[in-house]
Protein backbone atom coordinates (compact mmCIF):
# COMPACT_ATOMS: atom_id res chain seq x y z
CA UNK A 1 112.56 113.47 116.17
CA UNK A 2 109.77 111.97 114.05
CA UNK A 3 106.14 111.93 115.15
CA UNK A 4 103.96 108.85 114.62
CA UNK A 5 100.38 108.29 113.41
CA UNK A 6 98.87 104.80 113.60
CA UNK A 7 95.87 103.99 111.41
CA UNK A 8 93.66 101.04 112.39
CA UNK A 9 90.41 99.81 110.87
CA UNK A 10 87.19 98.42 112.26
CA UNK A 11 83.83 96.83 111.41
CA UNK A 12 84.75 95.57 107.92
CA UNK A 13 87.88 94.99 105.86
CA UNK A 14 88.70 97.16 102.84
CA UNK A 15 87.39 100.15 104.76
CA UNK A 16 89.91 102.49 103.11
CA UNK A 17 92.67 102.81 105.71
CA UNK A 18 95.29 103.06 102.98
CA UNK A 19 93.53 105.95 101.23
CA UNK A 20 92.98 107.75 104.55
CA UNK A 21 96.65 107.35 105.48
CA UNK A 22 97.78 108.43 102.01
CA UNK A 23 95.40 111.42 102.11
CA UNK A 24 96.79 112.52 105.48
CA UNK A 25 100.26 112.18 103.99
CA UNK A 26 99.25 114.41 101.08
CA UNK A 27 97.81 117.03 103.43
CA UNK A 28 100.94 117.09 105.59
CA UNK A 29 103.17 117.36 102.51
CA UNK A 30 101.03 120.25 101.28
CA UNK A 31 102.10 121.95 104.52
CA UNK A 32 105.76 121.27 103.75
CA UNK A 33 106.13 118.41 106.23
CA UNK A 34 108.08 115.33 105.14
CA UNK A 35 106.21 112.03 105.43
CA UNK A 36 106.89 108.31 105.21
CA UNK A 37 104.12 105.71 105.30
CA UNK A 38 104.52 102.17 106.59
CA UNK A 39 102.22 99.17 106.07
CA UNK A 40 102.03 96.37 108.67
CA UNK A 41 100.34 93.34 107.09
CA UNK A 42 99.16 90.50 109.35
CA UNK A 43 99.54 87.60 106.91
CA UNK A 44 102.32 85.04 107.41
CA UNK A 45 103.69 85.27 103.86
CA UNK A 46 107.12 86.90 104.01
CA UNK A 47 105.97 89.25 101.25
CA UNK A 48 103.09 89.31 98.73
CA UNK A 49 105.35 88.19 95.88
CA UNK A 50 103.90 84.67 95.74
CA UNK A 51 100.30 85.63 96.52
CA UNK A 52 97.65 85.15 93.83
CA UNK A 53 96.47 88.44 92.27
CA UNK A 54 92.93 87.10 92.64
CA UNK A 55 93.37 87.08 96.43
CA UNK A 56 95.50 90.12 97.14
CA UNK A 57 95.51 92.32 94.06
CA UNK A 58 98.67 93.60 92.43
CA UNK A 59 102.18 93.30 93.82
CA UNK A 60 103.68 96.79 94.00
CA UNK A 61 107.45 96.96 93.42
CA UNK A 62 109.60 99.62 95.07
CA UNK A 63 112.78 101.13 93.65
CA UNK A 64 114.96 98.85 95.78
CA UNK A 65 113.16 95.75 94.49
CA UNK A 66 110.78 94.94 97.33
CA UNK A 67 107.54 93.16 96.41
CA UNK A 68 104.96 94.89 98.56
CA UNK A 69 101.28 95.44 99.23
CA UNK A 70 99.36 97.57 96.72
CA UNK A 71 98.75 100.23 99.38
CA UNK A 72 102.36 101.35 98.94
CA UNK A 73 101.31 102.41 95.44
CA UNK A 74 98.68 104.68 96.96
CA UNK A 75 101.27 106.08 99.37
CA UNK A 76 103.68 106.91 96.54
CA UNK A 77 101.03 108.37 94.24
CA UNK A 78 99.47 110.58 96.92
CA UNK A 79 102.67 111.80 98.58
CA UNK A 80 104.91 111.72 95.49
CA UNK A 81 107.52 110.04 97.70
CA UNK A 82 109.29 106.80 96.81
CA UNK A 83 108.93 104.04 99.39
CA UNK A 84 111.33 101.16 100.03
CA UNK A 85 111.36 97.65 101.48
CA UNK A 86 111.42 99.32 104.92
CA UNK A 87 107.87 100.53 104.33
CA UNK A 88 106.36 97.05 104.02
CA UNK A 89 106.28 94.64 106.97
CA UNK A 90 104.45 91.32 107.27
CA UNK A 91 103.94 88.90 110.12
CA UNK A 92 106.00 86.42 108.12
CA UNK A 93 108.97 88.79 107.86
CA UNK A 94 108.75 89.59 111.58
CA UNK A 95 108.71 85.94 112.67
CA UNK A 96 111.44 85.08 110.17
CA UNK A 97 113.69 87.80 111.63
CA UNK A 98 112.99 86.74 115.22
CA UNK A 99 113.62 83.06 114.49
CA UNK A 100 116.87 83.91 112.70
CA UNK A 101 118.01 85.91 115.73
CA UNK A 102 117.10 83.03 118.03
CA UNK A 103 119.11 80.60 115.86
CA UNK A 104 122.11 82.93 116.02
CA UNK A 105 121.85 83.03 119.81
CA UNK A 106 121.09 86.74 120.01
CA UNK A 107 118.49 86.21 122.74
CA UNK A 108 121.10 84.52 124.95
CA UNK A 109 118.98 81.56 125.91
CA UNK A 110 115.79 83.49 126.67
CA UNK A 111 112.42 81.89 125.94
CA UNK A 112 111.32 83.63 122.75
CA UNK A 113 107.74 84.91 123.08
CA UNK A 114 105.25 87.18 121.33
CA UNK A 115 105.82 89.71 124.11
CA UNK A 116 108.45 91.12 124.18
CA UNK A 117 110.36 89.61 121.25
CA UNK A 118 107.77 89.82 118.43
CA UNK A 119 106.42 93.19 119.58
CA UNK A 120 109.94 94.58 119.98
CA UNK A 121 110.77 93.51 116.42
CA UNK A 122 107.63 95.28 115.16
CA UNK A 123 108.54 98.46 117.03
CA UNK A 124 112.09 98.27 115.74
CA UNK A 125 110.79 98.18 112.14
CA UNK A 126 108.80 101.37 112.75
CA UNK A 127 111.79 103.09 114.34
CA UNK A 128 113.95 101.93 111.41
CA UNK A 129 111.77 103.88 108.96
CA UNK A 130 112.04 106.99 111.14
CA UNK A 131 115.82 106.60 111.50
CA UNK A 132 116.64 105.89 107.86
CA UNK A 133 114.36 108.43 106.17
CA UNK A 134 114.10 111.01 108.98
CA UNK A 135 110.59 112.24 108.11
CA UNK A 136 108.64 114.70 110.21
CA UNK A 137 105.78 112.18 110.47
CA UNK A 138 105.70 108.40 110.08
CA UNK A 139 102.19 107.17 109.23
CA UNK A 140 101.71 103.45 109.94
CA UNK A 141 98.73 101.50 108.63
CA UNK A 142 97.88 98.27 110.43
CA UNK A 143 96.32 95.82 108.00
CA UNK A 144 93.24 93.78 108.78
CA UNK A 145 90.39 94.64 111.13
CA UNK A 146 90.42 95.21 114.87
CA UNK A 147 89.33 91.92 116.44
CA UNK A 148 91.29 89.73 114.02
CA UNK A 149 93.54 87.37 115.96
CA UNK A 150 96.45 87.80 113.56
CA UNK A 151 96.55 91.58 114.13
CA UNK A 152 96.97 91.39 117.90
CA UNK A 153 100.80 91.50 118.01
CA UNK A 154 100.81 94.64 115.85
CA UNK A 155 98.17 96.33 117.98
CA UNK A 156 100.06 95.45 121.16
CA UNK A 157 103.24 96.87 119.65
CA UNK A 158 101.63 100.21 118.76
CA UNK A 159 99.95 100.31 122.19
CA UNK A 160 103.41 100.18 123.75
CA UNK A 161 104.72 102.77 121.30
CA UNK A 162 103.09 105.77 122.98
CA UNK A 163 104.65 104.82 126.31
CA UNK A 164 108.06 104.49 124.62
CA UNK A 165 108.17 107.79 122.70
CA UNK A 166 105.78 110.03 124.66
CA UNK A 167 102.09 110.86 124.45
CA UNK A 168 102.61 114.04 122.41
CA UNK A 169 104.45 112.08 119.70
CA UNK A 170 101.74 109.52 118.85
CA UNK A 171 98.24 109.74 117.37
CA UNK A 172 95.88 106.76 117.09
CA UNK A 173 93.44 107.09 114.19
CA UNK A 174 90.61 104.57 113.78
CA UNK A 175 88.78 104.19 110.46
CA UNK A 176 85.35 102.68 110.83
CA UNK A 177 82.02 102.21 109.04
CA UNK A 178 78.75 104.04 109.72
CA UNK A 179 76.19 102.02 107.74
CA UNK A 180 72.89 103.33 106.42
CA UNK A 181 70.02 100.92 107.15
CA UNK A 182 67.36 101.46 104.44
CA UNK A 183 64.56 99.68 106.34
CA UNK A 184 65.15 101.91 109.38
CA UNK A 185 65.86 104.99 107.29
CA UNK A 186 68.83 106.00 109.42
CA UNK A 187 72.54 105.59 109.98
CA UNK A 188 73.73 103.34 112.79
CA UNK A 189 76.67 104.02 115.10
CA UNK A 190 76.55 100.73 117.03
CA UNK A 191 79.14 98.90 114.82
CA UNK A 192 81.58 101.76 115.41
CA UNK A 193 80.89 101.74 119.14
CA UNK A 194 81.69 98.03 119.29
CA UNK A 195 84.81 98.48 117.17
CA UNK A 196 86.13 101.22 119.45
CA UNK A 197 85.25 99.08 122.48
CA UNK A 198 87.32 96.24 120.98
CA UNK A 199 90.23 98.61 120.41
CA UNK A 200 90.02 100.01 123.93
CA UNK A 201 89.99 96.48 125.38
CA UNK A 202 93.46 96.08 123.84
CA UNK A 203 94.56 99.28 125.55
CA UNK A 204 94.28 101.77 122.67
CA UNK A 205 91.99 104.77 122.91
CA UNK A 206 91.59 106.34 119.45
CA UNK A 207 92.34 110.04 119.24
CA UNK A 208 90.66 110.53 115.86
CA UNK A 209 87.69 108.67 114.43
CA UNK A 210 87.38 108.61 110.64
CA UNK A 211 83.87 107.50 109.72
CA UNK A 212 83.26 105.94 106.30
CA UNK A 213 79.69 106.55 105.15
CA UNK A 214 77.63 107.05 102.02
CA UNK A 215 76.11 110.35 103.18
CA UNK A 216 77.12 113.23 105.50
CA UNK A 217 77.21 112.70 109.24
CA UNK A 218 74.83 115.03 111.06
CA UNK A 219 76.05 117.14 113.96
CA UNK A 220 73.94 115.01 116.28
CA UNK A 221 75.54 111.86 114.96
CA UNK A 222 79.02 113.29 115.55
CA UNK A 223 78.04 114.28 119.08
CA UNK A 224 76.76 110.77 119.74
CA UNK A 225 79.95 109.17 118.45
CA UNK A 226 82.01 111.61 120.48
CA UNK A 227 80.10 110.73 123.64
CA UNK A 228 80.10 106.94 123.25
CA UNK A 229 83.63 106.58 121.85
CA UNK A 230 85.32 109.15 124.09
CA UNK A 231 86.67 111.13 121.14
CA UNK A 232 86.43 114.95 120.95
CA UNK A 233 83.67 116.05 118.60
CA UNK A 234 86.10 117.94 116.37
CA UNK A 235 88.07 114.70 115.96
CA UNK A 236 85.09 112.80 114.53
CA UNK A 237 85.84 113.04 110.81
CA UNK A 238 83.35 112.30 108.05
CA UNK A 239 84.80 110.26 105.19
CA UNK A 240 81.93 110.19 102.71
CA UNK A 241 82.12 108.03 99.58
CA UNK A 242 83.75 109.96 96.75
CA UNK A 243 83.53 109.55 92.98
CA UNK A 244 87.32 109.36 92.86
CA UNK A 245 89.98 108.55 95.46
CA UNK A 246 91.78 111.73 94.38
CA UNK A 247 88.97 113.80 95.87
CA UNK A 248 89.50 112.26 99.33
CA UNK A 249 92.41 114.52 100.43
CA UNK A 250 90.31 117.60 99.65
CA UNK A 251 87.38 116.18 101.61
CA UNK A 252 89.67 115.31 104.53
CA UNK A 253 91.05 118.85 104.49
CA UNK A 254 87.55 120.29 104.75
CA UNK A 255 86.84 117.98 107.68
CA UNK A 256 89.99 119.18 109.48
CA UNK A 257 91.87 115.87 109.56
CA UNK A 258 95.33 117.41 109.18
CA UNK A 259 94.56 120.25 111.57
CA UNK A 260 93.45 117.88 114.35
CA UNK A 261 96.44 115.62 113.76
CA UNK A 262 98.84 118.56 114.07
CA UNK A 263 97.04 119.71 117.24
CA UNK A 264 97.45 116.31 118.84
CA UNK A 265 101.10 116.03 117.81
CA UNK A 266 101.76 119.61 119.01
CA UNK A 267 103.18 120.59 115.63
CA UNK A 268 103.19 124.01 113.97
CA UNK A 269 100.16 124.87 111.87
CA UNK A 270 101.06 125.84 108.33
CA UNK A 271 98.96 127.00 105.40
CA UNK A 272 98.35 124.11 102.99
CA UNK A 273 99.04 124.45 99.27
CA UNK A 274 96.49 122.22 97.55
CA UNK A 275 96.08 124.28 94.38
CA UNK A 276 97.68 121.65 92.15
CA UNK A 277 95.60 118.86 93.69
CA UNK A 278 92.39 120.88 93.32
CA UNK A 279 93.23 121.54 89.66
CA UNK A 280 93.80 117.81 89.19
CA UNK A 281 90.36 116.96 90.58
CA UNK A 282 88.70 119.71 88.53
CA UNK A 283 90.24 118.31 85.34
CA UNK A 284 89.18 114.79 86.35
CA UNK A 285 85.55 115.86 86.65
CA UNK A 286 85.43 117.98 83.46
CA UNK A 287 86.76 115.88 80.56
CA UNK A 288 86.47 117.05 76.97
CA UNK A 289 85.68 113.72 75.33
CA UNK A 290 85.54 109.98 76.00
CA UNK A 291 88.00 107.32 74.94
CA UNK A 292 87.57 103.54 75.09
CA UNK A 293 90.58 101.56 76.27
CA UNK A 294 90.71 97.76 76.38
CA UNK A 295 92.76 96.23 79.18
CA UNK A 296 93.39 92.65 78.03
CA UNK A 297 94.49 90.61 81.03
CA UNK A 298 94.04 87.31 82.80
CA UNK A 299 93.23 88.61 86.30
CA UNK A 300 90.35 90.90 85.33
CA UNK A 301 87.93 89.30 87.82
CA UNK A 302 89.67 91.41 90.48
CA UNK A 303 90.34 94.93 89.24
CA UNK A 304 92.91 95.53 92.00
CA UNK A 305 95.18 93.05 90.22
CA UNK A 306 95.97 95.88 87.78
CA UNK A 307 95.55 98.80 90.18
CA UNK A 308 98.69 100.77 89.25
CA UNK A 309 98.03 100.26 85.53
CA UNK A 310 94.51 101.67 85.88
CA UNK A 311 95.73 104.62 87.92
CA UNK A 312 98.48 105.36 85.39
CA UNK A 313 95.87 105.34 82.61
CA UNK A 314 93.72 107.66 84.68
CA UNK A 315 96.63 110.07 85.31
CA UNK A 316 97.25 110.30 81.57
CA UNK A 317 93.55 110.72 80.81
CA UNK A 318 93.33 113.60 83.29
CA UNK A 319 96.32 115.30 81.65
CA UNK A 320 94.86 114.87 78.15
CA UNK A 321 91.35 115.86 79.27
CA UNK A 322 89.69 112.52 78.47
CA UNK A 323 86.94 110.55 80.15
CA UNK A 324 88.52 107.09 80.47
CA UNK A 325 86.09 104.30 79.63
CA UNK A 326 87.94 101.12 80.56
CA UNK A 327 86.90 97.78 79.05
CA UNK A 328 88.03 94.81 81.15
CA UNK A 329 88.63 91.94 78.72
CA UNK A 330 89.59 88.46 79.87
CA UNK A 331 92.34 87.37 77.48
CA UNK A 332 91.04 83.79 77.58
CA UNK A 333 87.82 85.00 75.94
CA UNK A 334 89.81 86.11 72.89
CA UNK A 335 91.30 82.67 72.25
CA UNK A 336 88.13 81.44 70.56
CA UNK A 337 88.28 84.18 67.90
CA UNK A 338 85.54 86.78 67.22
CA UNK A 339 87.81 89.59 68.38
CA UNK A 340 85.53 92.15 66.71
CA UNK A 341 82.94 91.42 69.40
CA UNK A 342 85.37 92.75 72.01
CA UNK A 343 87.69 95.18 70.23
CA UNK A 344 85.81 96.69 67.27
CA UNK A 345 85.08 100.12 68.79
CA UNK A 346 88.17 100.32 71.00
CA UNK A 347 90.52 103.34 70.73
CA UNK A 348 93.51 101.73 72.43
CA UNK A 349 94.63 98.26 73.59
CA UNK A 350 96.84 97.67 76.63
CA UNK A 351 98.30 94.27 77.53
CA UNK A 352 99.70 94.28 81.10
CA UNK A 353 102.10 91.98 82.93
CA UNK A 354 101.51 88.57 84.42
CA UNK A 355 102.98 85.11 84.91
CA UNK A 356 102.11 81.72 83.42
CA UNK A 357 100.73 80.49 80.12
CA UNK A 358 97.01 80.84 80.81
CA UNK A 359 95.44 83.48 78.57
CA UNK A 360 98.65 84.23 76.66
CA UNK A 361 97.24 83.23 73.25
CA UNK A 362 94.40 85.69 73.79
CA UNK A 363 96.90 88.46 74.53
CA UNK A 364 98.83 87.60 71.38
CA UNK A 365 95.59 87.71 69.38
CA UNK A 366 94.77 91.16 70.80
CA UNK A 367 98.23 92.42 69.84
CA UNK A 368 97.83 91.11 66.29
CA UNK A 369 94.42 92.80 66.11
CA UNK A 370 95.89 96.11 67.30
CA UNK A 371 98.68 95.92 64.74
CA UNK A 372 96.42 94.95 61.84
CA UNK A 373 93.71 97.54 62.59
CA UNK A 374 96.19 100.33 63.46
CA UNK A 375 94.85 100.66 67.00
CA UNK A 376 97.27 102.26 69.51
CA UNK A 377 98.93 99.53 71.57
CA UNK A 378 100.93 99.54 74.80
CA UNK A 379 102.49 96.35 76.18
CA UNK A 380 103.89 96.03 79.69
CA UNK A 381 106.33 93.30 80.77
CA UNK A 382 104.54 90.12 79.66
CA UNK A 383 102.77 92.40 77.17
CA UNK A 384 106.14 93.03 75.50
CA UNK A 385 107.00 89.33 75.51
CA UNK A 386 103.65 88.54 73.87
CA UNK A 387 104.36 91.21 71.24
CA UNK A 388 107.69 89.51 70.48
CA UNK A 389 105.97 86.13 70.18
CA UNK A 390 103.32 87.67 67.90
CA UNK A 391 106.07 89.10 65.68
CA UNK A 392 107.91 85.75 65.55
CA UNK A 393 104.81 83.78 64.59
CA UNK A 394 103.18 86.15 62.12
CA UNK A 395 106.06 88.20 60.65
CA UNK A 396 109.12 85.96 60.98
CA UNK A 397 107.01 82.87 60.18
CA UNK A 398 108.39 80.93 63.17
CA UNK A 399 105.13 79.13 63.81
CA UNK A 400 106.23 77.35 66.98
CA UNK A 401 107.87 80.46 68.48
CA UNK A 402 107.15 80.85 72.16
CA UNK A 403 108.55 81.81 75.52
CA UNK A 404 110.59 79.14 77.30
CA UNK A 405 108.38 79.91 80.30
CA UNK A 406 105.33 78.59 78.44
CA UNK A 407 106.96 75.89 76.32
CA UNK A 408 110.40 74.75 77.51
CA UNK A 409 110.73 72.50 74.45
CA UNK A 410 110.03 75.09 71.76
CA UNK A 411 112.62 75.18 68.97
CA UNK A 412 112.29 78.98 68.79
CA UNK A 413 112.42 80.41 72.33
CA UNK A 414 112.23 84.08 71.37
CA UNK A 415 111.79 84.80 75.09
CA UNK A 416 114.20 82.89 77.32
CA UNK A 417 116.20 82.86 80.53
CA UNK A 418 119.67 84.34 80.46
CA UNK A 419 122.43 81.71 80.51
CA UNK A 420 123.35 82.49 84.13
CA UNK A 421 119.72 81.98 85.18
CA UNK A 422 119.37 78.46 83.82
CA UNK A 423 120.39 76.55 86.96
CA UNK A 424 118.59 78.70 89.54
CA UNK A 425 115.62 76.79 90.95
CA UNK A 426 114.37 78.95 93.87
CA UNK A 427 111.14 80.75 93.06
CA UNK A 428 112.06 84.39 92.63
CA UNK A 429 115.78 83.62 92.48
CA UNK A 430 115.96 84.55 88.80
CA UNK A 431 113.76 87.64 89.09
CA UNK A 432 114.94 91.05 87.95
CA UNK A 433 113.39 93.27 90.61
CA UNK A 434 113.51 97.01 91.25
CA UNK A 435 115.02 100.00 89.47
CA UNK A 436 117.31 99.45 86.47
CA UNK A 437 118.74 101.91 83.93
CA UNK A 438 117.66 101.85 80.29
CA UNK A 439 119.37 103.58 77.38
CA UNK A 440 116.80 105.00 74.95
CA UNK A 441 117.78 104.85 71.31
CA UNK A 442 117.45 108.11 69.31
CA UNK A 443 115.03 108.47 66.40
CA UNK A 444 112.46 106.26 68.13
CA UNK A 445 108.99 106.82 69.51
CA UNK A 446 110.34 106.02 72.98
CA UNK A 447 112.89 108.85 72.77
CA UNK A 448 110.20 111.23 71.53
CA UNK A 449 108.10 110.35 74.60
CA UNK A 450 110.84 110.35 77.25
CA UNK A 451 113.07 113.10 75.83
CA UNK A 452 115.95 111.44 77.70
CA UNK A 453 118.89 109.26 76.71
CA UNK A 454 118.91 107.28 79.97
CA UNK A 455 115.85 106.44 82.05
CA UNK A 456 115.30 104.38 85.21
CA UNK A 457 112.34 102.01 85.46
CA UNK A 458 111.14 99.31 87.87
CA UNK A 459 111.19 95.66 86.86
CA UNK A 460 109.52 92.45 88.02
CA UNK A 461 110.15 89.61 85.61
CA UNK A 462 112.26 86.55 84.98
CA UNK A 463 112.50 85.97 81.21
CA UNK A 464 114.18 88.21 78.62
CA UNK A 465 114.18 88.88 74.88
CA UNK A 466 116.39 86.22 73.25
CA UNK A 467 119.22 88.09 71.52
CA UNK A 468 119.67 85.24 69.04
CA UNK A 469 116.61 86.67 67.25
CA UNK A 470 117.48 90.36 67.50
CA UNK A 471 118.86 90.80 63.97
CA UNK A 472 115.88 88.99 62.46
CA UNK A 473 113.60 91.21 64.54
CA UNK A 474 115.27 94.39 63.28
CA UNK A 475 115.39 93.23 59.66
CA UNK A 476 111.63 92.66 59.65
CA UNK A 477 110.84 96.34 60.30
CA UNK A 478 110.61 96.41 64.07
CA UNK A 479 112.84 98.58 66.27
CA UNK A 480 114.57 98.06 69.60
CA UNK A 481 114.04 101.44 71.20
CA UNK A 482 115.54 100.77 74.63
CA UNK A 483 118.27 98.50 76.01
CA UNK A 484 120.34 98.08 79.15
CA UNK A 485 123.32 100.47 79.11
CA UNK A 486 125.61 97.68 77.85
CA UNK A 487 123.13 96.90 75.05
CA UNK A 488 122.68 93.32 76.18
CA UNK A 489 119.09 93.36 77.46
CA UNK A 490 116.18 94.52 75.32
CA UNK A 491 114.00 96.86 77.36
CA UNK A 492 111.68 98.43 74.77
CA UNK A 493 110.46 97.50 71.30
CA UNK A 494 108.25 99.31 68.83
CA UNK A 495 106.75 98.98 65.36
CA UNK A 496 107.35 102.26 63.50
CA UNK A 497 104.82 101.56 60.74
CA UNK A 498 101.92 102.12 63.12
CA UNK A 499 100.14 105.08 64.81
CA UNK A 500 101.40 103.95 68.24
CA UNK A 501 102.87 100.52 68.92
CA UNK A 502 105.34 100.23 71.79
CA UNK A 503 106.05 97.69 74.52
CA UNK A 504 108.45 97.59 77.44
CA UNK A 505 109.95 94.89 79.63
CA UNK A 506 109.57 97.00 82.78
CA UNK A 507 106.54 98.28 84.71
CA UNK A 508 106.16 102.02 84.01
CA UNK A 509 102.87 102.13 85.92
CA UNK A 510 104.73 102.09 89.24
CA UNK A 511 106.26 105.53 88.56
CA UNK A 512 103.18 107.35 87.29
CA UNK A 513 101.82 110.14 89.50
CA UNK A 514 98.52 112.07 89.35
CA UNK A 515 100.28 115.36 88.58
CA UNK A 516 103.04 113.82 86.40
CA UNK A 517 101.70 111.00 84.20
CA UNK A 518 104.24 108.51 82.91
CA UNK A 519 105.44 109.37 79.37
CA UNK A 520 104.49 105.97 77.92
CA UNK A 521 100.95 106.17 79.30
CA UNK A 522 100.52 109.80 78.29
CA UNK A 523 101.69 109.03 74.76
CA UNK A 524 99.38 106.02 74.59
CA UNK A 525 96.33 107.94 75.79
CA UNK A 526 97.19 110.84 73.45
CA UNK A 527 97.30 108.44 70.49
CA UNK A 528 94.08 106.74 71.61
CA UNK A 529 92.43 110.15 71.96
CA UNK A 530 93.36 111.04 68.38
CA UNK A 531 92.06 107.66 67.25
CA UNK A 532 88.80 108.24 69.12
CA UNK A 533 88.27 111.66 67.54
CA UNK A 534 88.94 110.20 64.09
CA UNK A 535 86.39 107.46 64.73
CA UNK A 536 83.81 110.06 65.75
CA UNK A 537 84.47 112.12 62.60
CA UNK A 538 84.19 109.01 60.42
CA UNK A 539 80.91 108.05 62.10
CA UNK A 540 79.56 111.56 61.64
CA UNK A 541 80.65 111.47 57.99
CA UNK A 542 78.86 108.18 57.40
CA UNK A 543 75.75 109.54 59.12
CA UNK A 544 75.91 112.64 56.95
CA UNK A 545 76.22 110.58 53.76
CA UNK A 546 73.40 108.31 54.89
CA UNK A 547 71.27 111.38 55.59
CA UNK A 548 71.88 112.75 52.08
CA UNK A 549 70.99 109.39 50.56
CA UNK A 550 67.76 109.30 52.51
CA UNK A 551 67.00 112.92 51.57
CA UNK A 552 67.50 112.17 47.91
């Protein structure tokens, strides 16, 4: 039977519940326990698929095609375990399921209410994860902050959970903030006391208190929190700000988070194996040299909109031994020209995914710049489509070439819907979502990177490469390096006459892991690293020549 850990948050939002839950998952896996992590989100959207990236960050896509909260990316990266649509639950999906059951008459005429019908549906979703994946521990993060009205049904459901499955099978973990007040010169526990009081008023007494702070908690502070919050002193865990999220599991291990969780769940203590994770962090903090990477996107005002892309870049940089210096460039800023102002000293250019026409011309300009100046380039999803448009306009001389998404009336829709998609009008109805196979063509850069004939990658897009232009594309010197197994869908393209120029229709960032960087990202960072070293040597050579001239 699975055990259950519920992670709640207090005082402020974005307190780091997802990282704490993912870190606990990593620590349990290091002890050879299997883990699955579930996110309960209180918003009424059925899923985050239609949410603006400016509001909610990236949409993470699972192997089975679920559009989920970005925290599932953290869960996968930390635990190296693939999640599914079962691991993401929203208020909208809960109410939709309950209303559908009511319409089918499954409640046999009962008055449908929050308690017990909504709470039972929430509990059933948690049990479904335990039943289908059979992990030793199910970690469930409740989104939002204790005190929010929309979170109440979830909190009531997890309150009932301990009664249903037994006290020894449930742990309540509360993540809260201990602020430092500069004018007083001390840390304050009162916000945490009030947060725990709010949680207890709902009927939940936290077993473990994880305290976010910018400096260590003193022993006296822990004793005070233990006394006022009715939590054992050894279960008051310091979660001090870290330079990298990948250091958090090591810090949580030192604080005894996993040990106290296993005590409360009455599980066997095992020796953790964190050698690989420690090596990862050591490499992160001791890079050999710096590289400058430009991320050219349209949602750069909120960095979380490209969270998995950034983490995939970081994984590759750690493996190569580089200090990643990321330049966030709004693609709209490039539409006015003067690209040198933004890209002159860049070692690599990455164009990520997105939807809609805004900023696309700037992305196309960045791709042309990368190609002309021989700067390593990696395009993801829309980044590949922009690379195709750039080829059509500047190489094939199809000046009005475009995607049918951006210009339905273009005479050269080099990116278009498939014929069977044309009459589908529901938003998302034409999407290709989840894991699909891709056959990698030999004698290509892609094959050199993957070293596999068939790969599986996650997709989230609607439009495809228009095969009517494939022969023209190939004749102009470009290569199709990956297709669907039947050869019908173009999955990867590249430009061989370039140090590194490759783009893919899928989202490789979703499968990158800290200890196993994705091949496309590792190849990109390797090429950018070589470019950076060459730039340094050229600069040193110019300085040396200038010095000789001055000396003479």
